[in-house]
Amino acid sequence: MNQNFKNKLADYLLDISKLVFAGVVLTTILEFDMASKWTIITIGFYASGMIALFGFLLLEKK
């Protein structure tokens, strides 16, 4: 893969990670009754962490 493409993909994944995290925070603050609050927090943090980890792994490889 092209290094420029990897960097852009990594930046995109990190932005998506931030958006998922912000969505989790807003959902818990606004107290939507879609599911258990702890379920939403757990899944959101896991998804955000995994997306960020994949983004950082793409940034490190040269």
Protein backbone atom coordinates (compact mmCIF):
# COMPACT_ATOMS: atom_id res chain seq x y z
CA MET A 1 0.00 0.00 0.00
CA ASN A 2 1.10 3.53 -0.70
CA GLN A 3 2.40 5.35 2.43
CA ASN A 4 0.31 8.43 1.62
CA PHE A 5 -2.82 6.26 1.45
CA LYS A 6 -1.98 4.62 4.79
CA ASN A 7 -1.56 8.01 6.46
CA LYS A 8 -4.87 9.29 5.09
CA LEU A 9 -6.64 6.09 6.13
CA ALA A 10 -5.12 6.30 9.60
CA ASP A 11 -6.25 9.92 9.97
CA TYR A 12 -9.74 8.94 8.81
CA LEU A 13 -9.93 6.07 11.31
CA LEU A 14 -8.79 8.32 14.15
CA ASP A 15 -11.49 10.84 13.23
CA ILE A 16 -14.12 8.08 13.18
CA SER A 17 -12.88 6.92 16.57
CA LYS A 18 -13.39 10.41 17.98
CA LEU A 19 -16.90 10.58 16.53
CA VAL A 20 -17.86 7.22 18.04
CA PHE A 21 -16.53 8.36 21.42
CA ALA A 22 -18.48 11.64 21.18
CA GLY A 23 -21.62 9.68 20.26
CA VAL A 24 -21.26 7.50 23.33
CA VAL A 25 -20.82 10.54 25.56
CA LEU A 26 -23.83 12.33 24.05
CA THR A 27 -25.99 9.22 24.28
CA THR A 28 -25.25 8.81 27.97
CA ILE A 29 -25.67 12.52 28.72
CA LEU A 30 -29.01 12.75 26.89
CA GLU A 31 -30.09 9.45 28.46
CA PHE A 32 -31.64 7.79 25.43
CA ASP A 33 -33.49 4.64 26.47
CA MET A 34 -32.28 2.45 23.61
CA ALA A 35 -30.51 -0.08 25.82
CA SER A 36 -28.71 -0.27 29.10
CA LYS A 37 -26.43 2.71 29.67
CA TRP A 38 -23.52 0.42 30.56
CA THR A 39 -24.02 -1.64 27.40
CA ILE A 40 -23.81 1.49 25.25
CA ILE A 41 -20.73 2.74 27.11
CA THR A 42 -18.98 -0.63 26.90
CA ILE A 43 -19.65 -1.18 23.21
CA GLY A 44 -18.82 2.44 22.37
CA PHE A 45 -15.51 2.44 24.22
CA TYR A 46 -14.55 -0.89 22.70
CA ALA A 47 -15.42 0.23 19.16
CA SER A 48 -13.67 3.56 19.62
CA GLY A 49 -10.58 1.90 21.04
CA MET A 50 -10.35 -0.72 18.32
CA ILE A 51 -10.77 1.83 15.51
CA ALA A 52 -8.15 4.11 17.11
CA LEU A 53 -5.77 1.19 17.61
CA PHE A 54 -6.05 0.20 13.95
CA GLY A 55 -5.45 3.84 12.96
CA PHE A 56 -2.36 4.06 15.13
CA LEU A 57 -1.03 0.78 13.78
CA LEU A 58 -1.32 2.13 10.25
CA LEU A 59 0.55 5.29 11.27
CA GLU A 60 3.46 3.38 12.85
CA LYS A 61 4.26 1.14 9.88
CA LYS A 62 6.72 2.71 7.48
